[in-house]
Amino acid sequence: MVNRASPIAQQVDGILNNLVVKFTVVNGTTAATNIALSGIATTDKIVGVVKLDFTLSEGTPNTRTWDASDLTSEASVTSAGNIQLSTTDTSGEILLVLWLDITE
């Protein structure tokens, strides 16, 4: 584990030791509705939100398709443990959320 004394070095060390960069997968919901995200705080910084859409079409043969959409620009932390997307309905979708845990 990396460890140094100055404040900037400590922040870099946190990144190197996987203490700052966080990610998780959550279920989507309607626009402007809280999405529970354990561990995120209002002072943290959202780096990316990607909507993952997987579809299975039955047939001969069955086909699987997927699509990814970057929704970072409309994502915000609304309260401790919650994020929201301002305009996109992601009901039935999966969201990959990446954020920086900069809470002191």
C-alpha atoms as a PDB file:
ATOM      1  CA  MET A   1       0.000   0.000   0.000  1.00  0.00           C
ATOM      2  CA  VAL A   2       1.259   3.461  -0.942  1.00  0.00           C
ATOM      3  CA  ASN A   3       1.392   6.045   1.848  1.00  0.00           C
ATOM      4  CA  ARG A   4       2.796   9.603   1.911  1.00  0.00           C
ATOM      5  CA  ALA A   5       2.355  12.636   4.166  1.00  0.00           C
ATOM      6  CA  SER A   6       1.306  15.687   2.085  1.00  0.00           C
ATOM      7  CA  PRO A   7      -2.429  16.281   1.348  1.00  0.00           C
ATOM      8  CA  ILE A   8      -2.037  16.040  -2.454  1.00  0.00           C
ATOM      9  CA  ALA A   9       0.091  12.912  -2.146  1.00  0.00           C
ATOM     10  CA  GLN A  10      -2.532  11.392   0.160  1.00  0.00           C
ATOM     11  CA  GLN A  11      -5.233  11.998  -2.470  1.00  0.00           C
ATOM     12  CA  VAL A  12      -3.085  10.359  -5.143  1.00  0.00           C
ATOM     13  CA  ASP A  13      -2.356   7.496  -2.760  1.00  0.00           C
ATOM     14  CA  GLY A  14      -6.102   7.058  -2.223  1.00  0.00           C
ATOM     15  CA  ILE A  15      -6.592   6.655  -5.967  1.00  0.00           C
ATOM     16  CA  LEU A  16      -3.683   4.237  -6.221  1.00  0.00           C
ATOM     17  CA  ASN A  17      -5.023   2.205  -3.309  1.00  0.00           C
ATOM     18  CA  ASN A  18      -8.601   2.089  -4.730  1.00  0.00           C
ATOM     19  CA  LEU A  19      -9.939   4.240  -1.915  1.00  0.00           C
ATOM     20  CA  VAL A  20     -11.235   7.104  -4.075  1.00  0.00           C
ATOM     21  CA  VAL A  21     -12.473   5.611  -7.367  1.00  0.00           C
ATOM     22  CA  LYS A  22     -15.762   3.783  -6.800  1.00  0.00           C
ATOM     23  CA  PHE A  23     -18.185   2.068  -9.147  1.00  0.00           C
ATOM     24  CA  THR A  24     -21.337   0.024  -8.899  1.00  0.00           C
ATOM     25  CA  VAL A  25     -24.241  -1.252 -10.962  1.00  0.00           C
ATOM     26  CA  VAL A  26     -27.777  -0.169 -10.018  1.00  0.00           C
ATOM     27  CA  ASN A  27     -31.258  -0.546 -11.451  1.00  0.00           C
ATOM     28  CA  GLY A  28     -32.651   2.446 -13.308  1.00  0.00           C
ATOM     29  CA  THR A  29     -35.986   4.138 -12.690  1.00  0.00           C
ATOM     30  CA  THR A  30     -38.105   7.002 -13.985  1.00  0.00           C
ATOM     31  CA  ALA A  31     -36.490  10.387 -14.595  1.00  0.00           C
ATOM     32  CA  ALA A  32     -36.079  12.743 -11.623  1.00  0.00           C
ATOM     33  CA  THR A  33     -36.502   9.872  -9.141  1.00  0.00           C
ATOM     34  CA  ASN A  34     -33.911   8.963  -6.510  1.00  0.00           C
ATOM     35  CA  ILE A  35     -31.769   5.930  -7.290  1.00  0.00           C
ATOM     36  CA  ALA A  36     -30.188   4.435  -4.170  1.00  0.00           C
ATOM     37  CA  LEU A  37     -26.394   4.333  -4.401  1.00  0.00           C
ATOM     38  CA  SER A  38     -24.770   3.144  -1.213  1.00  0.00           C
ATOM     39  CA  GLY A  39     -21.768   5.174  -0.108  1.00  0.00           C
ATOM     40  CA  ILE A  40     -22.127   8.233  -2.343  1.00  0.00           C
ATOM     41  CA  ALA A  41     -22.194  11.652  -0.663  1.00  0.00           C
ATOM     42  CA  THR A  42     -23.278  15.065  -1.919  1.00  0.00           C
ATOM     43  CA  THR A  43     -19.635  16.184  -1.954  1.00  0.00           C
ATOM     44  CA  ASP A  44     -18.559  13.275  -4.190  1.00  0.00           C
ATOM     45  CA  LYS A  45     -18.032  13.715  -7.940  1.00  0.00           C
ATOM     46  CA  ILE A  46     -19.873  11.591 -10.506  1.00  0.00           C
ATOM     47  CA  VAL A  47     -17.428  10.637 -13.255  1.00  0.00           C
ATOM     48  CA  GLY A  48     -19.704   8.539 -15.427  1.00  0.00           C
ATOM     49  CA  VAL A  49     -23.169   7.016 -15.713  1.00  0.00           C
ATOM     50  CA  VAL A  50     -23.668   4.494 -18.496  1.00  0.00           C
ATOM     51  CA  LYS A  51     -27.076   2.977 -19.278  1.00  0.00           C
ATOM     52  CA  LEU A  52     -26.717  -0.654 -20.352  1.00  0.00           C
ATOM     53  CA  ASP A  53     -29.605  -2.069 -22.360  1.00  0.00           C
ATOM     54  CA  PHE A  54     -29.633  -5.821 -22.975  1.00  0.00           C
ATOM     55  CA  THR A  55     -32.310  -7.408 -25.182  1.00  0.00           C
ATOM     56  CA  LEU A  56     -33.016 -11.066 -25.926  1.00  0.00           C
ATOM     57  CA  SER A  57     -35.103 -11.779 -29.003  1.00  0.00           C
ATOM     58  CA  GLU A  58     -36.390 -15.326 -29.151  1.00  0.00           C
ATOM     59  CA  GLY A  59     -36.293 -17.018 -32.499  1.00  0.00           C
ATOM     60  CA  THR A  60     -34.204 -19.417 -34.500  1.00  0.00           C
ATOM     61  CA  PRO A  61     -31.584 -18.664 -33.410  1.00  0.00           C
ATOM     62  CA  ASN A  62     -32.190 -16.483 -30.353  1.00  0.00           C
ATOM     63  CA  THR A  63     -30.376 -13.167 -30.649  1.00  0.00           C
ATOM     64  CA  ARG A  64     -28.937 -10.975 -27.952  1.00  0.00           C
ATOM     65  CA  THR A  65     -28.297  -7.299 -28.511  1.00  0.00           C
ATOM     66  CA  TRP A  66     -27.003  -4.575 -26.242  1.00  0.00           C
ATOM     67  CA  ASP A  67     -26.642  -0.840 -26.312  1.00  0.00           C
ATOM     68  CA  ALA A  68     -24.827   1.624 -24.061  1.00  0.00           C
ATOM     69  CA  SER A  69     -25.680   5.300 -23.547  1.00  0.00           C
ATOM     70  CA  ASP A  70     -23.651   7.916 -21.681  1.00  0.00           C
ATOM     71  CA  LEU A  71     -25.988   9.722 -19.267  1.00  0.00           C
ATOM     72  CA  THR A  72     -23.298  11.459 -17.218  1.00  0.00           C
ATOM     73  CA  SER A  73     -24.378  14.978 -18.189  1.00  0.00           C
ATOM     74  CA  GLU A  74     -27.787  14.601 -16.544  1.00  0.00           C
ATOM     75  CA  ALA A  75     -26.680  12.761 -13.395  1.00  0.00           C
ATOM     76  CA  SER A  76     -26.457  14.422  -9.987  1.00  0.00           C
ATOM     77  CA  VAL A  77     -26.129  13.432  -6.352  1.00  0.00           C
ATOM     78  CA  THR A  78     -29.388  14.587  -4.764  1.00  0.00           C
ATOM     79  CA  SER A  79     -28.680  13.486  -1.201  1.00  0.00           C
ATOM     80  CA  ALA A  80     -26.408  11.128   0.686  1.00  0.00           C
ATOM     81  CA  GLY A  81     -26.922   7.692  -0.847  1.00  0.00           C
ATOM     82  CA  ASN A  82     -28.992   8.899  -3.833  1.00  0.00           C
ATOM     83  CA  ILE A  83     -28.470  10.012  -7.422  1.00  0.00           C
ATOM     84  CA  GLN A  84     -30.938  11.121 -10.078  1.00  0.00           C
ATOM     85  CA  LEU A  85     -31.065  11.433 -13.830  1.00  0.00           C
ATOM     86  CA  SER A  86     -32.844  14.631 -14.840  1.00  0.00           C
ATOM     87  CA  THR A  87     -34.607  13.590 -18.068  1.00  0.00           C
ATOM     88  CA  THR A  88     -34.029   9.971 -19.091  1.00  0.00           C
ATOM     89  CA  ASP A  89     -36.363   7.174 -17.987  1.00  0.00           C
ATOM     90  CA  THR A  90     -34.156   4.162 -17.288  1.00  0.00           C
ATOM     91  CA  SER A  91     -36.880   1.874 -15.927  1.00  0.00           C
ATOM     92  CA  GLY A  92     -35.964  -1.737 -16.622  1.00  0.00           C
ATOM     93  CA  GLU A  93     -32.376  -0.761 -17.468  1.00  0.00           C
ATOM     94  CA  ILE A  94     -29.063  -1.216 -15.697  1.00  0.00           C
ATOM     95  CA  LEU A  95     -26.802   1.742 -14.854  1.00  0.00           C
ATOM     96  CA  LEU A  96     -23.045   1.548 -14.372  1.00  0.00           C
ATOM     97  CA  VAL A  97     -22.057   4.444 -12.088  1.00  0.00           C
ATOM     98  CA  LEU A  98     -18.474   5.604 -11.554  1.00  0.00           C
ATOM     99  CA  TRP A  99     -17.676   8.293  -8.982  1.00  0.00           C
ATOM    100  CA  LEU A 100     -14.862   9.816  -6.963  1.00  0.00           C
ATOM    101  CA  ASP A 101     -15.275   9.440  -3.218  1.00  0.00           C
ATOM    102  CA  ILE A 102     -13.823  12.777  -2.145  1.00  0.00           C
ATOM    103  CA  THR A 103     -15.755  13.048   1.112  1.00  0.00           C
ATOM    104  CA  GLU A 104     -13.530  13.832   4.061  1.00  0.00           C
END
